[in-house]
């Protein structure tokens, strides 16, 4: 079987943020990346959920603090109802410990801060599209510390991980995307996704971002 080539398809993006000027800035930023197409903007969680249902975007950039339904509740609804397959990145001003952990626990694929340099945001978005860990560098240690302090996750040696799951966990910790892990292990991407899902359940984690950060700091 020939190895899969990286996809060159355009990724459709939805932005959910209550600040019009910031949405305009994000739109301008995305226009610099040919592989990204802004297909929708929403000013509230409720509006974002409805648009996600209609548009089925590949990637959603989601603010945390919005009037009415906040970003974490919006994230949960997107995950369970409107856009379960989309990559969802929090893009917010909050670097508070509890906000980062809540978002990761709710299933965010990444957590970016609005005060990052625009080109760094684009780098992280590209990383997310490839299935990698997209998180502001200064938050990595914060998230790892929070995960160590909270009840769970289960230690790998007590979680009953299979040898293959242990191997994939190590590759997650090294920052490899599902596609690169599949290439490294010479298996299908779908097989990697199944293993990731199983090891997250065994470890008591909600996202591959949590697993990657936690495992990298636990080594």
N, C-alpha and C. Protein backbone atom coordinates (compact mmCIF):
# COMPACT_ATOMS: atom_id res chain seq x y z
N UNK A 1 0.85 -1.20 0.00
CA UNK A 1 0.00 0.00 0.00
C UNK A 1 0.88 1.24 0.00
N UNK A 2 0.59 2.18 -0.88
CA UNK A 2 1.39 3.40 -0.96
C UNK A 2 1.10 4.29 0.22
N UNK A 3 2.12 4.98 0.76
CA UNK A 3 1.88 5.89 1.88
C UNK A 3 1.00 7.03 1.46
N UNK A 4 0.16 7.48 2.39
CA UNK A 4 -0.75 8.59 2.08
C UNK A 4 0.04 9.87 1.93
N UNK A 5 -0.35 10.66 0.97
CA UNK A 5 0.27 11.96 0.79
C UNK A 5 -0.53 13.01 1.55
N UNK A 6 0.15 14.07 2.03
CA UNK A 6 -0.57 15.11 2.73
C UNK A 6 -1.65 15.72 1.85
N UNK A 7 -2.78 16.00 2.46
CA UNK A 7 -3.89 16.55 1.70
C UNK A 7 -3.62 17.98 1.29
N UNK A 8 -4.00 18.32 0.05
CA UNK A 8 -3.83 19.68 -0.42
C UNK A 8 -5.18 20.40 -0.48
N UNK A 9 -6.22 19.78 0.06
CA UNK A 9 -7.54 20.37 -0.01
C UNK A 9 -7.62 21.60 0.88
N UNK A 10 -8.49 22.51 0.51
CA UNK A 10 -8.69 23.74 1.29
C UNK A 10 -9.53 23.41 2.52
N UNK A 11 -9.10 23.91 3.67
CA UNK A 11 -9.80 23.69 4.92
C UNK A 11 -10.79 24.83 5.17
N UNK A 12 -12.04 24.47 5.42
CA UNK A 12 -13.10 25.46 5.58
C UNK A 12 -13.19 25.86 7.05
N UNK A 13 -13.14 27.16 7.32
CA UNK A 13 -13.00 27.67 8.68
C UNK A 13 -14.22 28.50 9.09
N UNK A 14 -14.67 28.26 10.32
CA UNK A 14 -15.72 29.06 10.94
C UNK A 14 -15.13 29.76 12.16
N UNK A 15 -15.38 31.06 12.30
CA UNK A 15 -14.90 31.83 13.46
C UNK A 15 -16.09 32.21 14.33
N UNK A 16 -16.00 31.88 15.63
CA UNK A 16 -17.06 32.23 16.58
C UNK A 16 -16.46 33.15 17.63
N UNK A 17 -16.81 34.43 17.58
CA UNK A 17 -16.25 35.43 18.48
C UNK A 17 -17.19 36.63 18.50
N UNK A 18 -17.42 37.20 19.68
CA UNK A 18 -18.39 38.29 19.78
C UNK A 18 -17.81 39.66 19.44
N UNK A 19 -16.53 39.74 19.11
CA UNK A 19 -15.92 41.03 18.79
C UNK A 19 -15.75 41.17 17.27
N UNK A 20 -16.51 42.06 16.64
CA UNK A 20 -16.45 42.19 15.18
C UNK A 20 -15.06 42.53 14.66
N UNK A 21 -14.34 43.42 15.36
CA UNK A 21 -13.01 43.81 14.89
C UNK A 21 -12.04 42.63 14.93
N UNK A 22 -12.18 41.81 15.95
CA UNK A 22 -11.29 40.64 16.02
C UNK A 22 -11.63 39.65 14.91
N UNK A 23 -12.91 39.46 14.64
CA UNK A 23 -13.29 38.57 13.54
C UNK A 23 -12.72 39.08 12.23
N UNK A 24 -12.73 40.40 12.05
CA UNK A 24 -12.17 40.98 10.82
C UNK A 24 -10.66 40.70 10.76
N UNK A 25 -9.98 40.83 11.90
CA UNK A 25 -8.55 40.54 11.93
C UNK A 25 -8.25 39.09 11.59
N UNK A 26 -9.07 38.18 12.12
CA UNK A 26 -8.89 36.76 11.81
C UNK A 26 -9.14 36.50 10.33
N UNK A 27 -10.17 37.13 9.79
CA UNK A 27 -10.46 36.97 8.36
C UNK A 27 -9.27 37.42 7.51
N UNK A 28 -8.69 38.56 7.86
CA UNK A 28 -7.53 39.06 7.13
C UNK A 28 -6.35 38.08 7.25
N UNK A 29 -6.18 37.53 8.45
CA UNK A 29 -5.08 36.59 8.68
C UNK A 29 -5.27 35.32 7.86
N UNK A 30 -6.48 34.78 7.85
CA UNK A 30 -6.74 33.55 7.11
C UNK A 30 -6.58 33.75 5.60
N UNK A 31 -6.82 34.97 5.15
CA UNK A 31 -6.70 35.24 3.71
C UNK A 31 -5.26 35.11 3.23
N UNK A 32 -4.31 35.12 4.16
CA UNK A 32 -2.89 34.98 3.80
C UNK A 32 -2.50 33.53 3.57
N UNK A 33 -3.39 32.60 3.93
CA UNK A 33 -3.09 31.17 3.83
C UNK A 33 -3.99 30.53 2.78
N UNK A 34 -3.44 30.16 1.62
CA UNK A 34 -4.27 29.59 0.55
C UNK A 34 -5.00 28.32 0.96
N UNK A 35 -4.47 27.59 1.93
CA UNK A 35 -5.09 26.33 2.32
C UNK A 35 -6.28 26.52 3.26
N UNK A 36 -6.58 27.78 3.62
CA UNK A 36 -7.68 28.07 4.54
C UNK A 36 -8.70 28.96 3.86
N UNK A 37 -9.97 28.65 4.04
CA UNK A 37 -11.06 29.46 3.49
C UNK A 37 -12.06 29.78 4.59
N UNK A 38 -12.25 31.06 4.87
CA UNK A 38 -13.23 31.48 5.87
C UNK A 38 -14.63 31.34 5.26
N UNK A 39 -15.44 30.44 5.81
CA UNK A 39 -16.77 30.19 5.26
C UNK A 39 -17.89 30.75 6.13
N UNK A 40 -17.55 31.19 7.36
CA UNK A 40 -18.60 31.72 8.21
C UNK A 40 -18.05 32.44 9.42
N UNK A 41 -18.83 33.41 9.92
CA UNK A 41 -18.52 34.13 11.15
C UNK A 41 -19.77 34.15 12.01
N UNK A 42 -19.58 34.00 13.32
CA UNK A 42 -20.69 34.03 14.25
C UNK A 42 -20.31 34.88 15.46
N UNK A 43 -21.29 35.63 15.97
CA UNK A 43 -21.05 36.55 17.08
C UNK A 43 -21.45 35.97 18.44
N UNK A 44 -21.95 34.75 18.46
CA UNK A 44 -22.36 34.13 19.72
C UNK A 44 -22.27 32.62 19.60
N UNK A 45 -22.29 31.95 20.75
CA UNK A 45 -22.26 30.50 20.74
C UNK A 45 -23.46 29.91 20.02
N UNK A 46 -24.62 30.46 20.29
CA UNK A 46 -25.84 29.95 19.68
C UNK A 46 -25.78 30.08 18.15
N UNK A 47 -25.34 31.24 17.69
CA UNK A 47 -25.23 31.45 16.24
C UNK A 47 -24.17 30.54 15.64
N UNK A 48 -23.07 30.35 16.38
CA UNK A 48 -22.00 29.49 15.90
C UNK A 48 -22.44 28.05 15.74
N UNK A 49 -23.21 27.56 16.69
CA UNK A 49 -23.72 26.18 16.62
C UNK A 49 -24.60 26.00 15.38
N UNK A 50 -25.48 27.00 15.14
CA UNK A 50 -26.36 26.92 13.97
C UNK A 50 -25.55 26.95 12.67
N UNK A 51 -24.54 27.83 12.61
CA UNK A 51 -23.72 27.90 11.39
C UNK A 51 -22.91 26.63 11.19
N UNK A 52 -22.39 26.08 12.28
CA UNK A 52 -21.62 24.85 12.17
C UNK A 52 -22.48 23.72 11.62
N UNK A 53 -23.73 23.68 12.06
CA UNK A 53 -24.66 22.67 11.57
C UNK A 53 -24.87 22.80 10.07
N UNK A 54 -25.01 24.03 9.60
CA UNK A 54 -25.26 24.26 8.17
C UNK A 54 -24.00 24.12 7.32
N UNK A 55 -22.87 24.64 7.83
CA UNK A 55 -21.67 24.74 7.01
C UNK A 55 -20.75 23.53 7.10
N UNK A 56 -20.82 22.80 8.22
CA UNK A 56 -19.93 21.66 8.47
C UNK A 56 -18.47 22.02 8.14
N UNK A 57 -17.92 22.99 8.88
CA UNK A 57 -16.54 23.41 8.62
C UNK A 57 -15.53 22.34 9.05
N UNK A 58 -14.32 22.44 8.51
CA UNK A 58 -13.23 21.56 8.91
C UNK A 58 -12.57 22.04 10.20
N UNK A 59 -12.56 23.36 10.39
CA UNK A 59 -11.86 23.98 11.52
C UNK A 59 -12.72 25.09 12.10
N UNK A 60 -12.80 25.13 13.43
CA UNK A 60 -13.55 26.19 14.12
C UNK A 60 -12.62 26.91 15.09
N UNK A 61 -12.54 28.23 14.98
CA UNK A 61 -11.81 29.06 15.94
C UNK A 61 -12.84 29.66 16.88
N UNK A 62 -12.72 29.38 18.17
CA UNK A 62 -13.79 29.65 19.13
C UNK A 62 -13.28 30.48 20.30
N UNK A 63 -13.95 31.60 20.56
CA UNK A 63 -13.63 32.43 21.71
C UNK A 63 -14.15 31.76 22.98
N UNK A 64 -13.54 32.10 24.11
CA UNK A 64 -13.94 31.49 25.38
C UNK A 64 -15.01 32.32 26.09
N UNK A 65 -14.75 33.60 26.23
CA UNK A 65 -15.65 34.47 27.01
C UNK A 65 -16.57 35.24 26.08
N UNK A 66 -17.82 34.77 26.00
CA UNK A 66 -18.82 35.44 25.17
C UNK A 66 -20.10 35.61 25.99
N UNK A 67 -20.88 36.65 25.70
CA UNK A 67 -22.16 36.81 26.39
C UNK A 67 -23.08 35.63 26.09
N UNK A 68 -23.93 35.29 27.04
CA UNK A 68 -24.83 34.16 26.83
C UNK A 68 -24.08 32.86 27.00
N UNK A 69 -24.14 32.00 26.00
CA UNK A 69 -23.45 30.71 26.05
C UNK A 69 -21.94 30.92 25.92
N UNK A 70 -21.19 30.50 26.92
CA UNK A 70 -19.75 30.72 26.85
C UNK A 70 -19.08 29.71 25.92
N UNK A 71 -17.76 29.88 25.75
CA UNK A 71 -17.05 29.06 24.78
C UNK A 71 -17.01 27.58 25.11
N UNK A 72 -16.89 27.25 26.40
CA UNK A 72 -16.81 25.84 26.78
C UNK A 72 -18.14 25.13 26.53
N UNK A 73 -19.26 25.78 26.88
CA UNK A 73 -20.56 25.17 26.62
C UNK A 73 -20.79 25.06 25.11
N UNK A 74 -20.39 26.10 24.37
CA UNK A 74 -20.49 26.04 22.91
C UNK A 74 -19.68 24.87 22.36
N UNK A 75 -18.48 24.69 22.89
CA UNK A 75 -17.61 23.60 22.48
C UNK A 75 -18.28 22.25 22.71
N UNK A 76 -18.87 22.08 23.89
CA UNK A 76 -19.55 20.81 24.19
C UNK A 76 -20.68 20.54 23.19
N UNK A 77 -21.44 21.58 22.89
CA UNK A 77 -22.56 21.42 21.95
C UNK A 77 -22.06 21.12 20.54
N UNK A 78 -20.98 21.78 20.15
CA UNK A 78 -20.41 21.50 18.83
C UNK A 78 -19.91 20.07 18.75
N UNK A 79 -19.28 19.61 19.83
CA UNK A 79 -18.73 18.25 19.86
C UNK A 79 -19.82 17.18 19.79
N UNK A 80 -20.94 17.43 20.46
CA UNK A 80 -21.97 16.39 20.54
C UNK A 80 -23.02 16.49 19.45
N UNK A 81 -23.24 17.71 18.92
CA UNK A 81 -24.36 17.90 18.00
C UNK A 81 -23.96 18.40 16.62
N UNK A 82 -23.39 19.60 16.57
CA UNK A 82 -23.30 20.31 15.29
C UNK A 82 -22.10 19.95 14.43
N UNK A 83 -20.93 19.77 15.06
CA UNK A 83 -19.71 19.57 14.27
C UNK A 83 -18.76 18.62 14.97
N UNK A 84 -19.17 17.38 15.18
CA UNK A 84 -18.35 16.44 15.96
C UNK A 84 -17.00 16.12 15.33
N UNK A 85 -16.89 16.28 14.00
CA UNK A 85 -15.65 15.91 13.32
C UNK A 85 -14.71 17.10 13.09
N UNK A 86 -15.17 18.31 13.38
CA UNK A 86 -14.34 19.49 13.12
C UNK A 86 -13.19 19.59 14.12
N UNK A 87 -12.09 20.18 13.66
CA UNK A 87 -11.03 20.58 14.57
C UNK A 87 -11.48 21.88 15.25
N UNK A 88 -11.43 21.93 16.58
CA UNK A 88 -11.89 23.12 17.29
C UNK A 88 -10.76 23.67 18.14
N UNK A 89 -10.35 24.90 17.83
CA UNK A 89 -9.30 25.58 18.58
C UNK A 89 -9.89 26.73 19.36
N UNK A 90 -9.61 26.79 20.66
CA UNK A 90 -9.96 27.97 21.43
C UNK A 90 -8.99 29.08 21.06
N UNK A 91 -9.51 30.27 20.84
CA UNK A 91 -8.68 31.44 20.54
C UNK A 91 -9.18 32.55 21.43
N UNK A 92 -8.45 32.85 22.51
CA UNK A 92 -8.99 33.64 23.60
C UNK A 92 -7.90 34.47 24.27
N UNK A 93 -8.32 35.37 25.15
CA UNK A 93 -7.36 36.16 25.92
C UNK A 93 -6.99 35.49 27.23
N UNK A 94 -7.76 34.51 27.66
CA UNK A 94 -7.58 33.93 28.99
C UNK A 94 -6.49 32.87 29.03
N UNK A 95 -5.51 33.09 29.90
CA UNK A 95 -4.51 32.05 30.15
C UNK A 95 -4.68 31.47 31.55
N UNK A 96 -5.89 31.61 32.12
CA UNK A 96 -6.16 31.10 33.45
C UNK A 96 -6.13 29.57 33.45
N UNK A 97 -5.50 29.03 34.46
CA UNK A 97 -5.36 27.58 34.61
C UNK A 97 -6.69 26.86 34.39
N UNK A 98 -7.73 27.31 35.12
CA UNK A 98 -9.01 26.61 35.07
C UNK A 98 -9.66 26.69 33.70
N UNK A 99 -9.46 27.80 32.98
CA UNK A 99 -10.04 27.93 31.64
C UNK A 99 -9.38 26.97 30.66
N UNK A 100 -8.06 26.87 30.72
CA UNK A 100 -7.35 25.97 29.82
C UNK A 100 -7.79 24.52 30.07
N UNK A 101 -7.83 24.13 31.33
CA UNK A 101 -8.19 22.74 31.66
C UNK A 101 -9.64 22.45 31.28
N UNK A 102 -10.55 23.39 31.55
CA UNK A 102 -11.96 23.18 31.20
C UNK A 102 -12.12 22.96 29.71
N UNK A 103 -11.41 23.77 28.92
CA UNK A 103 -11.52 23.66 27.47
C UNK A 103 -10.97 22.32 26.98
N UNK A 104 -9.84 21.91 27.53
CA UNK A 104 -9.27 20.63 27.13
C UNK A 104 -10.19 19.47 27.52
N UNK A 105 -10.75 19.56 28.73
CA UNK A 105 -11.66 18.52 29.20
C UNK A 105 -12.92 18.45 28.35
N UNK A 106 -13.31 19.58 27.76
CA UNK A 106 -14.52 19.61 26.94
C UNK A 106 -14.26 19.15 25.51
N UNK A 107 -12.98 18.89 25.19
CA UNK A 107 -12.68 18.32 23.88
C UNK A 107 -12.04 19.26 22.88
N UNK A 108 -11.47 20.38 23.35
CA UNK A 108 -10.79 21.29 22.42
C UNK A 108 -9.56 20.60 21.82
N UNK A 109 -9.28 20.90 20.56
CA UNK A 109 -8.10 20.36 19.89
C UNK A 109 -6.89 21.25 20.06
N UNK A 110 -7.08 22.40 20.68
CA UNK A 110 -5.96 23.30 20.91
C UNK A 110 -6.42 24.53 21.66
N UNK A 111 -5.45 25.30 22.15
CA UNK A 111 -5.77 26.49 22.95
C UNK A 111 -4.73 27.55 22.62
N UNK A 112 -5.19 28.61 21.94
CA UNK A 112 -4.30 29.68 21.50
C UNK A 112 -4.71 30.99 22.15
N UNK A 113 -3.72 31.84 22.39
CA UNK A 113 -3.97 33.14 23.00
C UNK A 113 -4.01 34.22 21.93
N UNK A 114 -4.93 35.16 22.10
CA UNK A 114 -5.11 36.21 21.10
C UNK A 114 -3.92 37.15 20.99
N UNK A 115 -3.07 37.20 22.03
CA UNK A 115 -1.94 38.13 21.96
C UNK A 115 -0.72 37.50 21.29
N UNK A 116 -0.88 36.28 20.74
CA UNK A 116 0.20 35.70 19.95
C UNK A 116 0.44 36.51 18.68
N UNK A 117 1.64 36.44 18.17
CA UNK A 117 1.93 37.07 16.88
C UNK A 117 1.07 36.40 15.81
N UNK A 118 0.53 37.18 14.87
CA UNK A 118 -0.34 36.59 13.83
C UNK A 118 0.29 35.41 13.10
N UNK A 119 1.58 35.53 12.78
CA UNK A 119 2.22 34.43 12.05
C UNK A 119 2.31 33.17 12.93
N UNK A 120 2.41 33.36 14.25
CA UNK A 120 2.45 32.20 15.15
C UNK A 120 1.08 31.53 15.24
N UNK A 121 0.03 32.33 15.18
CA UNK A 121 -1.32 31.75 15.15
C UNK A 121 -1.49 30.89 13.91
N UNK A 122 -1.02 31.39 12.77
CA UNK A 122 -1.12 30.62 11.52
C UNK A 122 -0.32 29.32 11.62
N UNK A 123 0.85 29.38 12.23
CA UNK A 123 1.65 28.17 12.40
C UNK A 123 0.88 27.13 13.21
N UNK A 124 0.25 27.59 14.29
CA UNK A 124 -0.50 26.66 15.14
C UNK A 124 -1.74 26.12 14.42
N UNK A 125 -2.38 26.95 13.63
CA UNK A 125 -3.54 26.49 12.86
C UNK A 125 -3.11 25.42 11.86
N UNK A 126 -1.99 25.63 11.20
CA UNK A 126 -1.48 24.62 10.27
C UNK A 126 -1.18 23.31 11.01
N UNK A 127 -0.62 23.43 12.21
CA UNK A 127 -0.34 22.25 13.02
C UNK A 127 -1.62 21.48 13.33
N UNK A 128 -2.68 22.22 13.69
CA UNK A 128 -3.96 21.58 14.01
C UNK A 128 -4.54 20.87 12.80
N UNK A 129 -4.44 21.50 11.64
CA UNK A 129 -4.96 20.90 10.41
C UNK A 129 -4.28 19.57 10.13
N UNK A 130 -2.99 19.48 10.46
CA UNK A 130 -2.25 18.23 10.25
C UNK A 130 -2.53 17.22 11.35
N UNK A 131 -3.31 17.62 12.35
CA UNK A 131 -3.64 16.72 13.44
C UNK A 131 -2.69 16.79 14.61
N UNK A 132 -1.81 17.80 14.61
CA UNK A 132 -0.85 17.95 15.70
C UNK A 132 -1.42 18.72 16.87
N UNK A 133 -0.58 18.92 17.88
CA UNK A 133 -0.97 19.63 19.10
C UNK A 133 -0.83 21.13 18.87
N UNK A 134 -1.94 21.87 18.99
CA UNK A 134 -1.93 23.31 18.78
C UNK A 134 -2.20 23.99 20.12
N UNK A 135 -1.15 24.48 20.76
CA UNK A 135 -1.31 25.14 22.05
C UNK A 135 -0.23 26.20 22.18
N UNK A 136 -0.60 27.35 22.72
CA UNK A 136 0.39 28.41 22.93
C UNK A 136 1.52 27.86 23.80
N UNK A 137 2.77 28.07 23.39
CA UNK A 137 3.91 27.44 24.10
C UNK A 137 3.91 27.71 25.60
N UNK A 138 3.55 28.92 26.03
CA UNK A 138 3.60 29.24 27.45
C UNK A 138 2.55 28.51 28.28
N UNK A 139 1.56 27.90 27.58
CA UNK A 139 0.50 27.19 28.30
C UNK A 139 0.80 25.70 28.47
N UNK A 140 1.83 25.21 27.80
CA UNK A 140 2.11 23.78 27.86
C UNK A 140 2.43 23.33 29.27
N UNK A 141 3.33 24.05 29.95
CA UNK A 141 3.69 23.68 31.32
C UNK A 141 2.51 23.87 32.26
N UNK A 142 1.73 24.94 32.03
CA UNK A 142 0.54 25.19 32.86
C UNK A 142 -0.42 24.02 32.78
N UNK A 143 -0.69 23.55 31.57
CA UNK A 143 -1.63 22.44 31.40
C UNK A 143 -1.08 21.16 32.01
N UNK A 144 0.20 20.91 31.81
CA UNK A 144 0.80 19.70 32.38
C UNK A 144 0.73 19.72 33.91
N UNK A 145 1.01 20.88 34.50
CA UNK A 145 0.95 21.00 35.96
C UNK A 145 -0.47 20.79 36.47
N UNK A 146 -1.44 21.37 35.76
CA UNK A 146 -2.83 21.22 36.17
C UNK A 146 -3.28 19.77 36.09
N UNK A 147 -2.84 19.08 35.06
CA UNK A 147 -3.21 17.67 34.91
C UNK A 147 -2.60 16.82 36.01
N UNK A 148 -1.38 17.18 36.44
CA UNK A 148 -0.74 16.43 37.52
C UNK A 148 -1.45 16.66 38.84
N UNK A 149 -2.01 17.88 39.02
CA UNK A 149 -2.62 18.23 40.30
C UNK A 149 -4.05 17.73 40.43
N UNK A 150 -4.72 17.53 39.30
CA UNK A 150 -6.12 17.09 39.34
C UNK A 150 -6.20 15.58 39.57
N UNK A 151 -7.35 15.10 40.11
CA UNK A 151 -7.55 13.65 40.19
C UNK A 151 -7.51 13.05 38.79
N UNK A 152 -6.76 11.91 38.63
CA UNK A 152 -6.51 11.40 37.29
C UNK A 152 -5.54 12.35 36.62
N UNK A 153 -4.96 12.07 35.50
CA UNK A 153 -5.19 10.86 34.73
C UNK A 153 -4.54 9.63 35.35
N UNK A 154 -4.91 8.48 34.87
CA UNK A 154 -4.36 7.22 35.34
C UNK A 154 -2.94 7.07 34.82
N UNK A 155 -2.02 6.64 35.67
CA UNK A 155 -0.65 6.41 35.24
C UNK A 155 -0.60 5.32 34.17
N UNK A 156 0.24 5.49 33.14
CA UNK A 156 0.28 4.50 32.05
C UNK A 156 0.50 3.08 32.53
N UNK A 157 1.36 2.92 33.56
CA UNK A 157 1.64 1.56 34.02
C UNK A 157 0.43 0.91 34.71
N UNK A 158 -0.55 1.72 35.12
CA UNK A 158 -1.75 1.17 35.75
C UNK A 158 -2.96 1.21 34.83
N UNK A 159 -2.79 1.78 33.65
CA UNK A 159 -3.93 1.96 32.74
C UNK A 159 -4.18 0.76 31.85
N UNK A 160 -3.25 -0.18 31.83
CA UNK A 160 -3.43 -1.35 30.98
C UNK A 160 -3.27 -1.04 29.51
N UNK A 161 -2.38 -0.08 29.18
CA UNK A 161 -2.15 0.23 27.77
C UNK A 161 -1.45 -0.94 27.08
N UNK A 162 -1.88 -1.22 25.87
CA UNK A 162 -1.21 -2.24 25.08
C UNK A 162 0.14 -1.69 24.61
N UNK A 163 1.06 -2.55 24.19
CA UNK A 163 2.33 -2.05 23.66
C UNK A 163 2.14 -1.05 22.53
N UNK A 164 1.18 -1.29 21.64
CA UNK A 164 0.93 -0.36 20.54
C UNK A 164 0.43 0.98 21.06
N UNK A 165 -0.46 0.95 22.06
CA UNK A 165 -0.96 2.20 22.63
C UNK A 165 0.16 2.97 23.33
N UNK A 166 1.06 2.26 24.00
CA UNK A 166 2.20 2.93 24.63
C UNK A 166 3.09 3.58 23.57
N UNK A 167 3.26 2.90 22.46
CA UNK A 167 4.07 3.43 21.36
C UNK A 167 3.43 4.69 20.80
N UNK A 168 2.11 4.66 20.60
CA UNK A 168 1.40 5.82 20.05
C UNK A 168 1.42 6.98 21.04
N UNK A 169 1.28 6.68 22.34
CA UNK A 169 1.35 7.74 23.35
C UNK A 169 2.70 8.45 23.30
N UNK A 170 3.77 7.69 23.14
CA UNK A 170 5.10 8.29 23.05
C UNK A 170 5.22 9.18 21.82
N UNK A 171 4.62 8.76 20.71
CA UNK A 171 4.67 9.57 19.49
C UNK A 171 3.81 10.82 19.62
N UNK A 172 2.67 10.71 20.33
CA UNK A 172 1.87 11.90 20.62
C UNK A 172 2.68 12.89 21.43
N UNK A 173 3.40 12.37 22.42
CA UNK A 173 4.21 13.24 23.28
C UNK A 173 5.31 13.93 22.48
N UNK A 174 5.76 13.28 21.41
CA UNK A 174 6.79 13.87 20.55
C UNK A 174 6.22 14.89 19.58
N UNK A 175 4.88 15.06 19.61
CA UNK A 175 4.24 16.07 18.78
C UNK A 175 3.82 15.62 17.40
N UNK A 176 3.80 14.31 17.16
CA UNK A 176 3.42 13.81 15.83
C UNK A 176 1.91 13.81 15.66
N UNK A 177 1.47 14.15 14.47
CA UNK A 177 0.06 14.08 14.12
C UNK A 177 -0.35 12.64 13.88
N UNK A 178 -1.67 12.39 13.81
CA UNK A 178 -2.15 11.04 13.49
C UNK A 178 -1.58 10.54 12.17
N UNK A 179 -1.50 11.44 11.20
CA UNK A 179 -1.01 11.05 9.88
C UNK A 179 0.45 10.63 9.94
N UNK A 180 1.26 11.39 10.69
CA UNK A 180 2.68 11.05 10.80
C UNK A 180 2.89 9.80 11.64
N UNK A 181 2.06 9.61 12.66
CA UNK A 181 2.14 8.37 13.45
C UNK A 181 1.84 7.17 12.57
N UNK A 182 0.80 7.30 11.75
CA UNK A 182 0.44 6.21 10.84
C UNK A 182 1.60 5.88 9.91
N UNK A 183 2.26 6.91 9.41
CA UNK A 183 3.40 6.71 8.52
C UNK A 183 4.56 6.05 9.26
N UNK A 184 4.78 6.51 10.48
CA UNK A 184 5.88 5.96 11.29
C UNK A 184 5.67 4.48 11.60
N UNK A 185 4.43 4.11 11.88
CA UNK A 185 4.12 2.73 12.29
C UNK A 185 3.65 1.86 11.12
N UNK A 186 3.52 2.48 9.94
CA UNK A 186 3.06 1.76 8.75
C UNK A 186 1.69 1.13 8.95
N UNK A 187 0.77 1.95 9.48
CA UNK A 187 -0.62 1.52 9.65
C UNK A 187 -1.53 2.61 9.07
N UNK A 188 -2.82 2.31 8.99
CA UNK A 188 -3.78 3.28 8.46
C UNK A 188 -4.05 4.37 9.49
N UNK A 189 -4.38 5.57 9.01
CA UNK A 189 -4.71 6.68 9.91
C UNK A 189 -5.91 6.31 10.78
N UNK A 190 -6.88 5.61 10.19
CA UNK A 190 -8.05 5.19 10.95
C UNK A 190 -7.68 4.29 12.12
N UNK A 191 -6.67 3.45 11.92
CA UNK A 191 -6.21 2.57 13.00
C UNK A 191 -5.61 3.40 14.13
N UNK A 192 -4.84 4.42 13.78
CA UNK A 192 -4.25 5.30 14.79
C UNK A 192 -5.35 5.99 15.59
N UNK A 193 -6.38 6.47 14.91
CA UNK A 193 -7.47 7.16 15.59
C UNK A 193 -8.15 6.24 16.60
N UNK A 194 -8.33 4.99 16.25
CA UNK A 194 -8.95 4.03 17.18
C UNK A 194 -8.06 3.84 18.40
N UNK A 195 -6.76 3.69 18.18
CA UNK A 195 -5.84 3.51 19.30
C UNK A 195 -5.82 4.74 20.20
N UNK A 196 -5.83 5.93 19.59
CA UNK A 196 -5.83 7.17 20.38
C UNK A 196 -7.10 7.24 21.24
N UNK A 197 -8.22 6.94 20.65
CA UNK A 197 -9.49 6.95 21.39
C UNK A 197 -9.43 5.99 22.57
N UNK A 198 -8.89 4.80 22.36
CA UNK A 198 -8.83 3.80 23.42
C UNK A 198 -7.87 4.21 24.53
N UNK A 199 -6.72 4.76 24.16
CA UNK A 199 -5.76 5.11 25.20
C UNK A 199 -6.23 6.32 26.01
N UNK A 200 -6.95 7.25 25.37
CA UNK A 200 -7.52 8.38 26.10
C UNK A 200 -8.50 7.88 27.15
N UNK A 201 -9.33 6.93 26.77
CA UNK A 201 -10.31 6.38 27.70
C UNK A 201 -9.62 5.70 28.87
N UNK A 202 -8.60 4.93 28.60
CA UNK A 202 -7.88 4.22 29.65
C UNK A 202 -7.17 5.18 30.60
N UNK A 203 -6.65 6.27 30.06
CA UNK A 203 -5.89 7.22 30.87
C UNK A 203 -6.80 8.22 31.60
N UNK A 204 -8.07 8.27 31.21
CA UNK A 204 -8.97 9.23 31.81
C UNK A 204 -8.79 10.63 31.28
N UNK A 205 -8.36 10.74 30.02
CA UNK A 205 -8.15 12.04 29.38
C UNK A 205 -9.20 12.24 28.30
N UNK A 206 -9.41 13.51 27.94
CA UNK A 206 -10.48 13.83 26.98
C UNK A 206 -9.97 14.13 25.58
N UNK A 207 -8.72 14.51 25.44
CA UNK A 207 -8.25 14.93 24.12
C UNK A 207 -6.81 14.50 23.90
N UNK A 208 -6.44 14.43 22.62
CA UNK A 208 -5.06 14.07 22.28
C UNK A 208 -4.11 15.17 22.71
N UNK A 209 -4.60 16.42 22.80
CA UNK A 209 -3.76 17.52 23.28
C UNK A 209 -3.37 17.27 24.73
N UNK A 210 -4.37 16.91 25.57
CA UNK A 210 -4.08 16.56 26.96
C UNK A 210 -3.06 15.44 27.03
N UNK A 211 -3.29 14.40 26.24
CA UNK A 211 -2.41 13.22 26.28
C UNK A 211 -0.99 13.60 25.89
N UNK A 212 -0.84 14.40 24.84
CA UNK A 212 0.48 14.77 24.36
C UNK A 212 1.22 15.61 25.39
N UNK A 213 0.52 16.60 25.95
CA UNK A 213 1.16 17.48 26.94
C UNK A 213 1.50 16.70 28.20
N UNK A 214 0.54 15.92 28.70
CA UNK A 214 0.76 15.18 29.92
C UNK A 214 1.87 14.16 29.78
N UNK A 215 1.87 13.41 28.68
CA UNK A 215 2.88 12.38 28.48
C UNK A 215 4.26 12.98 28.29
N UNK A 216 4.36 14.12 27.60
CA UNK A 216 5.66 14.74 27.36
C UNK A 216 6.29 15.22 28.66
N UNK A 217 5.46 15.69 29.59
CA UNK A 217 5.97 16.16 30.88
C UNK A 217 6.17 15.04 31.88
N UNK A 218 5.55 13.89 31.63
CA UNK A 218 5.66 12.77 32.57
C UNK A 218 6.85 11.88 32.26
N UNK A 219 7.48 12.08 31.08
CA UNK A 219 8.58 11.20 30.70
C UNK A 219 9.81 11.48 31.54
